[in-house]
Amino acid sequence: MKFKPILKQTLWGGDKIIPFKHLKENLPNVGESWEVSAVEGSESVVANGPEAGMTLPEMVCKYKEELVGEANYARFGNKFPLLIKFIDAKLDLSIQVHPDDALAKKRHNSFGKNEMWYVIAADKGAKLISGFSQEITPKEYKERVHNGSFAEVLQTTEIQPGDVFYVPAGRVHGIGAGDFVAEIQQTSDITYRIYDYNRKDSQGRTRELHTSQALDAINFQDVQEDFRTQYEAVQNEPVEIVASPYFTTSVYDMTEEITCDYSELDSFIIFICVEGSCTLKDNEKNSIEVCAGETVLLPATTQEVTITPNGAVKLLETYV
């Protein structure tokens, strides 16, 4: 299945998403395209095949473990567990943090928000903020947020296409101006905004900050020199880049046809095309063309998929 993209216009959004996805829309400041979403109020709608017009939550309710896998259905019920986005930042996003499952359940009756970024493109000098550059105390956190020096203790990294960052709940982070990323995350729209560069909207209002709520969510010992995920890029075979309890993601950089065996996998599979195009064909001879900017969901009943590049293709594969 493919889904209709849910385009989100934002204060900080840019102009890369619409051409990347080959859309005919004429919207300015599109900061996000939600590709696969079961978030209430932003549910993805199937765009192709006999189920066209159904929402993702309706699909889960109808097909249950056939769609998501037996263990996933036992774990998540009718809630689809992942949210897939493209994010284009013309301006810096706010510095923020997400709660873990326990805190999100207690406060919001929601999943927490562990996520990852795959850098698709980056303007010259573009940066991502991830984690702390030095350990600070909760007291120092409050002081630095109050006096505007919080960003001084955060780890800022210049990025390039292909960089990967895993962002667990509790890690302070921010997407910088000029960043264009694919984001894979738990199904959650809970964000605690810590600092927003004192920006004002068109009505002259500053956005709400969640400084005190964030205090309980932050991992203050989260200090590293480089928060990038290190991996060796290899052509024509899957390279695992993230393995977590929330999702496992691999990158496929392909010029040759390969066949993936999913007979032992008890999960749906999502392919996100970030470059080039290909044909996907499953064991039941269903086939679909996928090009850059498109995302495809395969049900858990899928046994095998053959990926045939049209020249070259780069895909992210993710499942739970």
Protein backbone atom coordinates (compact mmCIF):
# COMPACT_ATOMS: atom_id res chain seq x y z
CA MET A 1 0.00 0.00 0.00
CA LYS A 2 0.93 3.60 -0.64
CA PHE A 3 -0.74 6.42 1.28
CA LYS A 4 -1.75 9.97 0.46
CA PRO A 5 0.88 12.29 1.96
CA ILE A 6 -0.22 14.54 4.82
CA LEU A 7 1.56 17.84 4.22
CA LYS A 8 2.20 20.08 7.24
CA GLN A 9 2.94 23.78 6.75
CA THR A 10 5.13 25.17 9.52
CA LEU A 11 6.88 28.36 10.63
CA TRP A 12 10.22 26.80 9.75
CA GLY A 13 9.24 24.73 6.66
CA GLY A 14 11.08 24.89 3.35
CA ASP A 15 10.53 24.11 -0.32
CA LYS A 16 12.19 20.68 -0.80
CA ILE A 17 9.37 18.25 0.00
CA ILE A 18 6.98 18.99 -2.87
CA PRO A 19 9.57 18.58 -5.68
CA PHE A 20 11.17 15.60 -3.89
CA LYS A 21 7.80 13.86 -3.83
CA HIS A 22 6.90 14.97 -7.40
CA LEU A 23 3.67 16.60 -6.19
CA LYS A 24 1.62 19.16 -8.09
CA GLU A 25 0.75 21.09 -4.92
CA ASN A 26 1.64 24.78 -4.64
CA LEU A 27 2.01 25.16 -0.88
CA PRO A 28 4.74 27.29 0.75
CA ASN A 29 6.64 26.36 3.91
CA VAL A 30 5.92 22.63 3.89
CA GLY A 31 7.97 21.44 6.85
CA GLU A 32 6.74 17.84 7.03
CA SER A 33 5.14 15.14 4.94
CA TRP A 34 3.61 12.44 7.12
CA GLU A 35 3.96 9.32 5.01
CA VAL A 36 2.53 6.61 7.28
CA SER A 37 0.56 7.84 10.27
CA ALA A 38 -2.04 6.58 12.72
CA VAL A 39 -1.83 9.70 14.90
CA GLU A 40 -5.34 10.84 15.81
CA GLY A 41 -6.39 13.68 13.52
CA SER A 42 -3.62 12.88 11.01
CA GLU A 43 -4.49 9.35 9.87
CA SER A 44 -2.97 8.16 6.59
CA VAL A 45 -5.41 7.22 3.82
CA VAL A 46 -4.64 4.34 1.43
CA ALA A 47 -3.96 5.71 -2.06
CA ASN A 48 -3.95 2.56 -4.21
CA GLY A 49 -5.54 -0.85 -4.70
CA PRO A 50 -8.86 -2.25 -3.48
CA GLU A 51 -8.49 -0.62 -0.03
CA ALA A 52 -8.04 2.91 -1.44
CA GLY A 53 -9.82 5.44 0.78
CA MET A 54 -9.47 3.43 3.99
CA THR A 55 -7.45 4.92 6.83
CA LEU A 56 -4.48 3.13 8.37
CA PRO A 57 -6.31 2.61 11.71
CA GLU A 58 -9.24 1.11 9.79
CA MET A 59 -6.82 -1.23 8.02
CA VAL A 60 -5.33 -2.38 11.34
CA CYS A 61 -8.81 -2.98 12.81
CA LYS A 62 -9.82 -4.97 9.72
CA TYR A 63 -6.72 -7.09 9.16
CA LYS A 64 -5.13 -7.15 12.65
CA GLU A 65 -2.12 -9.55 12.83
CA GLU A 66 -2.28 -10.18 9.07
CA LEU A 67 -1.23 -6.56 8.61
CA VAL A 68 1.05 -5.87 11.58
CA GLY A 69 2.17 -9.34 12.76
CA GLU A 70 1.03 -11.51 15.66
CA ALA A 71 3.48 -10.21 18.27
CA ASN A 72 2.90 -6.60 17.24
CA TYR A 73 -0.87 -7.02 17.44
CA ALA A 74 -0.53 -8.59 20.89
CA ARG A 75 1.72 -5.71 21.96
CA PHE A 76 -0.03 -2.73 20.33
CA GLY A 77 -3.59 -3.89 19.60
CA ASN A 78 -5.31 -1.68 17.02
CA LYS A 79 -2.68 1.09 17.36
CA PHE A 80 -0.21 1.11 14.47
CA PRO A 81 3.18 1.54 16.19
CA LEU A 82 5.25 3.67 13.74
CA LEU A 83 5.06 7.15 12.25
CA ILE A 84 7.09 7.91 9.10
CA LYS A 85 7.89 11.48 8.00
CA PHE A 86 9.99 13.58 5.68
CA ILE A 87 11.17 16.81 7.35
CA ASP A 88 12.51 19.89 5.55
CA ALA A 89 13.84 22.69 7.75
CA LYS A 90 14.43 26.08 6.14
CA LEU A 91 14.95 27.48 9.66
CA ASP A 92 16.10 25.85 12.90
CA LEU A 93 13.46 23.76 14.64
CA SER A 94 13.00 24.22 18.36
CA ILE A 95 15.28 22.43 20.80
CA GLN A 96 13.14 19.69 22.32
CA VAL A 97 12.93 16.37 24.11
CA HIS A 98 10.44 13.47 24.07
CA PRO A 99 9.17 11.40 27.01
CA ASP A 100 9.75 7.66 27.28
CA ASP A 101 6.90 5.13 27.33
CA ALA A 102 6.44 5.24 31.11
CA LEU A 103 6.24 9.05 31.37
CA ALA A 104 4.10 9.38 28.22
CA LYS A 105 1.68 6.73 29.51
CA LYS A 106 1.41 8.44 32.89
CA ARG A 107 0.96 11.98 31.54
CA HIS A 108 -0.72 11.53 28.15
CA ASN A 109 -1.90 7.88 27.94
CA SER A 110 0.34 7.62 24.88
CA PHE A 111 3.40 5.84 23.54
CA GLY A 112 6.70 7.56 24.22
CA LYS A 113 8.77 8.84 21.33
CA ASN A 114 11.99 7.13 20.35
CA GLU A 115 13.00 8.16 16.84
CA MET A 116 15.74 8.20 14.21
CA TRP A 117 16.86 10.48 11.40
CA TYR A 118 18.35 9.56 8.05
CA VAL A 119 19.85 12.59 6.30
CA ILE A 120 18.61 12.71 2.69
CA ALA A 121 20.12 16.10 1.82
CA ALA A 122 21.87 18.91 3.66
CA ASP A 123 22.65 22.49 2.67
CA LYS A 124 26.27 23.61 3.10
CA GLY A 125 26.97 23.98 6.81
CA ALA A 126 23.72 22.32 7.92
CA LYS A 127 23.78 20.91 11.46
CA LEU A 128 21.83 18.66 13.80
CA ILE A 129 21.69 18.98 17.59
CA SER A 130 21.74 15.68 19.47
CA GLY A 131 22.54 15.19 23.15
CA PHE A 132 24.80 17.12 25.52
CA SER A 133 28.43 18.16 24.99
CA GLN A 134 28.91 18.23 28.77
CA GLU A 135 26.99 16.94 31.77
CA ILE A 136 24.76 19.48 33.48
CA THR A 137 22.49 19.36 36.52
CA PRO A 138 18.73 19.97 36.49
CA LYS A 139 19.41 23.23 38.37
CA GLU A 140 21.89 24.37 35.67
CA TYR A 141 19.36 23.36 33.01
CA LYS A 142 16.76 25.72 34.47
CA GLU A 143 19.30 28.54 34.77
CA ARG A 144 20.57 28.11 31.21
CA VAL A 145 17.07 27.96 29.73
CA HIS A 146 16.20 31.12 31.67
CA ASN A 147 19.31 33.07 30.58
CA GLY A 148 19.34 31.80 26.97
CA SER A 149 22.60 29.83 27.14
CA PHE A 150 21.14 26.30 26.96
CA ALA A 151 22.35 25.69 23.39
CA GLU A 152 25.97 26.16 24.57
CA VAL A 153 25.96 22.74 26.31
CA LEU A 154 24.41 20.79 23.42
CA GLN A 155 26.31 18.64 20.91
CA THR A 156 26.00 20.20 17.45
CA THR A 157 27.15 18.16 14.44
CA GLU A 158 27.65 19.25 10.84
CA ILE A 159 25.90 16.70 8.63
CA GLN A 160 25.97 15.21 5.16
CA PRO A 161 23.67 12.88 3.19
CA GLY A 162 23.64 9.33 4.56
CA ASP A 163 24.27 10.36 8.17
CA VAL A 164 22.12 8.51 10.71
CA PHE A 165 21.14 9.60 14.21
CA TYR A 166 19.18 7.48 16.67
CA VAL A 167 17.36 9.75 19.13
CA PRO A 168 16.08 7.83 22.16
CA ALA A 169 13.45 9.35 24.42
CA GLY A 170 15.20 11.64 26.89
CA ARG A 171 17.85 12.91 24.46
CA VAL A 172 17.66 16.66 23.88
CA HIS A 173 17.77 17.39 20.14
CA GLY A 174 17.01 19.81 17.34
CA ILE A 175 16.89 19.77 13.54
CA GLY A 176 18.86 22.66 12.05
CA ALA A 177 18.29 24.97 9.11
CA GLY A 178 19.12 23.31 5.78
CA ASP A 179 18.43 19.76 7.03
CA PHE A 180 16.26 17.39 4.95
CA VAL A 181 15.68 14.10 6.72
CA ALA A 182 13.54 10.98 6.84
CA GLU A 183 12.26 10.40 10.36
CA ILE A 184 11.11 7.05 11.73
CA GLN A 185 9.50 7.16 15.17
CA GLN A 186 7.01 5.65 17.54
CA THR A 187 3.41 6.70 16.95
CA SER A 188 3.35 9.75 19.19
CA ASP A 189 2.97 13.48 18.68
CA ILE A 190 4.25 14.45 22.14
CA THR A 191 7.06 16.97 22.11
CA TYR A 192 8.38 19.08 24.97
CA ARG A 193 9.69 22.31 23.48
CA ILE A 194 12.57 23.68 25.54
CA TYR A 195 13.87 26.60 23.47
CA ASP A 196 12.50 28.21 20.29
CA TYR A 197 14.97 31.01 19.52
CA ASN A 198 12.41 33.58 20.79
CA ARG A 199 10.53 33.30 17.48
CA LYS A 200 7.09 34.86 16.98
CA ASP A 201 4.29 33.74 14.68
CA SER A 202 2.39 35.97 12.22
CA GLN A 203 0.31 37.30 15.14
CA GLY A 204 3.45 38.23 17.09
CA ARG A 205 3.04 35.40 19.62
CA THR A 206 5.84 33.17 20.86
CA ARG A 207 5.19 29.42 20.84
CA GLU A 208 4.48 27.65 24.10
CA LEU A 209 7.52 26.20 25.87
CA HIS A 210 7.44 23.11 28.09
CA THR A 211 10.53 23.77 30.22
CA SER A 212 9.20 22.21 33.43
CA GLN A 213 7.55 19.18 31.74
CA ALA A 214 10.83 18.52 29.91
CA LEU A 215 12.78 18.44 33.19
CA ASP A 216 11.49 14.95 34.12
CA ALA A 217 12.02 13.64 30.58
CA ILE A 218 15.66 14.69 30.01
CA ASN A 219 18.59 12.29 30.37
CA PHE A 220 21.18 14.68 31.84
CA GLN A 221 23.98 12.06 31.60
CA ASP A 222 23.55 11.82 27.81
CA VAL A 223 27.03 13.08 26.82
CA GLN A 224 29.04 11.95 23.77
CA GLU A 225 31.51 13.50 21.35
CA ASP A 226 29.61 12.28 18.29
CA PHE A 227 26.03 11.00 18.38
CA ARG A 228 26.04 9.80 14.76
CA THR A 229 25.43 6.11 14.14
CA GLN A 230 28.57 4.64 12.59
CA TYR A 231 27.98 2.19 9.75
CA GLU A 232 29.79 0.97 6.65
CA ALA A 233 27.96 1.76 3.42
CA VAL A 234 27.81 -1.34 1.19
CA GLN A 235 26.07 -1.68 -2.16
CA ASN A 236 23.51 -4.36 -3.07
CA GLU A 237 22.91 -5.78 0.38
CA PRO A 238 20.98 -4.50 3.40
CA VAL A 239 23.01 -2.60 5.99
CA GLU A 240 21.38 -2.46 9.42
CA ILE A 241 21.65 1.05 10.86
CA VAL A 242 19.27 0.96 13.85
CA ALA A 243 18.15 -1.99 15.97
CA SER A 244 15.92 -1.02 18.89
CA PRO A 245 12.86 -2.41 20.71
CA TYR A 246 10.80 0.16 18.78
CA PHE A 247 11.98 -0.43 15.20
CA THR A 248 14.78 -1.98 13.18
CA THR A 249 15.97 -0.05 10.12
CA SER A 250 18.33 -0.96 7.28
CA VAL A 251 19.51 0.99 4.25
CA TYR A 252 19.58 -0.58 0.78
CA ASP A 253 21.86 1.12 -1.78
CA MET A 254 21.23 -0.90 -4.93
CA THR A 255 22.17 -1.21 -8.57
CA GLU A 256 21.34 -4.94 -8.80
CA GLU A 257 18.18 -6.94 -8.13
CA ILE A 258 17.94 -8.62 -4.75
CA THR A 259 15.30 -10.81 -3.06
CA CYS A 260 14.43 -10.36 0.62
CA ASP A 261 13.16 -13.33 2.63
CA TYR A 262 10.57 -12.27 5.23
CA SER A 263 9.18 -15.74 5.95
CA GLU A 264 10.56 -15.67 9.53
CA LEU A 265 9.65 -12.02 10.21
CA ASP A 266 6.50 -11.41 12.27
CA SER A 267 5.99 -7.78 11.26
CA PHE A 268 4.82 -5.41 8.57
CA ILE A 269 7.63 -3.91 6.46
CA ILE A 270 7.90 -0.28 5.37
CA PHE A 271 10.10 0.83 2.48
CA ILE A 272 10.95 4.53 2.19
CA CYS A 273 12.52 5.49 -1.14
CA VAL A 274 15.06 8.28 -0.65
CA GLU A 275 16.80 8.17 -4.05
CA GLY A 276 16.14 6.75 -7.52
CA SER A 277 13.35 4.25 -8.24
CA CYS A 278 12.61 0.53 -8.32
CA THR A 279 9.95 -2.14 -8.66
CA LEU A 280 8.88 -4.22 -5.66
CA LYS A 281 7.34 -7.64 -6.35
CA ASP A 282 6.11 -9.98 -3.61
CA ASN A 283 5.69 -13.76 -3.47
CA GLU A 284 2.07 -13.45 -4.67
CA LYS A 285 3.18 -11.58 -7.82
CA ASN A 286 1.83 -8.22 -6.60
CA SER A 287 4.13 -5.48 -7.88
CA ILE A 288 4.44 -1.74 -7.39
CA GLU A 289 6.69 1.00 -8.75
CA VAL A 290 8.35 3.16 -6.10
CA CYS A 291 10.32 6.35 -6.68
CA ALA A 292 12.12 8.90 -4.49
CA GLY A 293 9.74 10.48 -2.01
CA GLU A 294 7.36 7.50 -1.87
CA THR A 295 6.71 5.13 1.02
CA VAL A 296 5.21 1.63 0.81
CA LEU A 297 3.71 -0.56 3.55
CA LEU A 298 3.82 -4.34 3.08
CA PRO A 299 1.65 -6.54 5.34
CA ALA A 300 3.09 -9.08 7.77
CA THR A 301 1.78 -11.91 5.56
CA THR A 302 4.44 -11.01 2.95
CA GLN A 303 6.89 -13.90 2.58
CA GLU A 304 9.32 -12.55 0.02
CA VAL A 305 10.03 -9.34 -1.90
CA THR A 306 12.19 -8.86 -4.98
CA ILE A 307 13.58 -5.35 -5.43
CA THR A 308 14.51 -4.44 -9.00
CA PRO A 309 16.28 -1.06 -9.30
CA ASN A 310 15.63 1.16 -12.31
CA GLY A 311 19.33 1.93 -12.66
CA ALA A 312 19.97 2.76 -9.00
CA VAL A 313 17.83 3.10 -5.90
CA LYS A 314 18.30 3.86 -2.22
CA LEU A 315 15.68 2.58 0.25
CA LEU A 316 15.18 2.54 3.98
CA GLU A 317 13.52 -0.63 5.27
CA THR A 318 11.94 -0.59 8.70
CA TYR A 319 9.84 -2.97 10.80
CA VAL A 320 9.09 -3.78 14.43
